[in-house]
Amino acid sequence: MRDSGSSLNITIELVVPFPTSMRLDRLLASELAVSRTRLQALQDQGVLRIASDRTDVLRRRVGTGMIVTLDLSAEADRALFWRLRAIGAAP
């Protein structure tokens, strides 16, 4: 997690040692405690970026090497909301 005053980026690199059928949107929704609808909205706004050429990457299976970036510089509640979720301490 990088925090430089007014900007905050959270980068997640996935390591998946075993084959799984879990979709990326389900994994992120579960771990970040946000809805899949909110994840899609964040991706549409450019806040959530996934290193992929596919437009439906959120609905694809997770795999090793996937890189997910949250650009939270414009999120008003980033300090309270996202940091707690990033470390697994969601309220």
Protein backbone atom coordinates (compact mmCIF):
# COMPACT_ATOMS: atom_id res chain seq x y z
CA MET A 1 0.00 0.00 0.00
CA ARG A 2 1.38 3.37 -0.99
CA ASP A 3 0.17 6.55 0.68
CA SER A 4 1.67 9.87 -0.36
CA GLY A 5 -0.45 12.52 1.26
CA SER A 6 -3.43 12.97 -1.03
CA SER A 7 -2.98 9.78 -3.06
CA LEU A 8 -3.43 6.22 -1.94
CA ASN A 9 -2.94 3.16 -4.11
CA ILE A 10 -3.49 -0.39 -3.00
CA THR A 11 -1.92 -3.01 -5.25
CA ILE A 12 -2.73 -6.68 -4.84
CA GLU A 13 -0.86 -9.41 -6.72
CA LEU A 14 -2.63 -12.76 -6.64
CA VAL A 15 -0.80 -16.02 -6.06
CA VAL A 16 -3.06 -19.02 -6.62
CA PRO A 17 -1.15 -22.25 -5.94
CA PHE A 18 -4.07 -24.56 -6.82
CA PRO A 19 -6.69 -24.49 -9.58
CA THR A 20 -9.90 -22.83 -8.44
CA SER A 21 -13.23 -21.87 -9.90
CA MET A 22 -13.49 -18.70 -7.79
CA ARG A 23 -14.22 -15.59 -9.81
CA LEU A 24 -12.22 -12.41 -9.20
CA ASP A 25 -15.30 -10.35 -8.31
CA ARG A 26 -16.36 -12.88 -5.66
CA LEU A 27 -12.88 -12.99 -4.14
CA LEU A 28 -12.51 -9.20 -3.99
CA ALA A 29 -16.05 -8.69 -2.68
CA SER A 30 -15.45 -11.23 0.06
CA GLU A 31 -12.02 -9.99 1.12
CA LEU A 32 -12.73 -6.25 0.83
CA ALA A 33 -16.27 -6.49 2.23
CA VAL A 34 -17.86 -4.61 -0.67
CA SER A 35 -20.57 -5.69 -3.07
CA ARG A 36 -19.80 -7.00 -6.54
CA THR A 37 -21.95 -4.15 -7.88
CA ARG A 38 -19.70 -1.64 -6.13
CA LEU A 39 -16.61 -3.37 -7.53
CA GLN A 40 -18.04 -3.08 -11.05
CA ALA A 41 -18.83 0.60 -10.48
CA LEU A 42 -15.30 1.21 -9.20
CA GLN A 43 -13.87 -0.49 -12.29
CA ASP A 44 -16.13 1.59 -14.56
CA GLN A 45 -14.89 4.77 -12.81
CA GLY A 46 -11.25 3.72 -13.22
CA VAL A 47 -10.73 3.42 -9.46
CA LEU A 48 -10.32 -0.35 -9.67
CA ARG A 49 -7.87 -1.50 -12.34
CA ILE A 50 -6.93 -5.05 -13.25
CA ALA A 51 -3.96 -5.75 -15.51
CA SER A 52 -5.82 -7.47 -18.36
CA ASP A 53 -6.98 -6.81 -21.89
CA ARG A 54 -10.35 -8.41 -21.12
CA THR A 55 -13.32 -6.20 -20.29
CA ASP A 56 -14.98 -9.01 -18.31
CA VAL A 57 -11.96 -9.74 -16.12
CA LEU A 58 -13.97 -9.39 -12.90
CA ARG A 59 -16.14 -12.32 -14.00
CA ARG A 60 -13.14 -14.55 -14.81
CA ARG A 61 -11.47 -17.11 -12.58
CA VAL A 62 -8.64 -15.88 -10.38
CA GLY A 63 -5.14 -16.85 -11.39
CA THR A 64 -1.57 -16.36 -10.34
CA GLY A 65 -0.07 -13.12 -11.56
CA MET A 66 -3.29 -11.10 -11.64
CA ILE A 67 -2.59 -7.59 -10.45
CA VAL A 68 -5.40 -5.52 -8.98
CA THR A 69 -4.91 -1.83 -8.20
CA LEU A 70 -7.26 0.45 -6.27
CA ASP A 71 -6.62 4.16 -6.83
CA LEU A 72 -8.24 5.70 -3.80
CA SER A 73 -6.98 9.27 -4.14
CA ALA A 74 -10.52 10.53 -4.82
CA GLU A 75 -12.27 8.38 -2.20
CA ALA A 76 -13.39 10.59 0.69
CA ASP A 77 -13.55 7.76 3.21
CA ARG A 78 -10.36 6.03 2.14
CA ALA A 79 -8.54 6.25 5.47
CA LEU A 80 -11.36 4.70 7.46
CA PHE A 81 -12.92 2.37 4.92
CA TRP A 82 -10.23 0.98 2.62
CA ARG A 83 -7.24 0.71 4.91
CA LEU A 84 -9.15 -1.42 7.37
CA ARG A 85 -10.31 -3.68 4.58
CA ALA A 86 -6.85 -3.94 3.04
CA ILE A 87 -5.44 -5.31 6.29
CA GLY A 88 -8.43 -7.54 7.00
CA ALA A 89 -9.97 -5.50 9.80
CA ALA A 90 -13.25 -4.45 8.18
CA PRO A 91 -15.72 -2.91 10.66
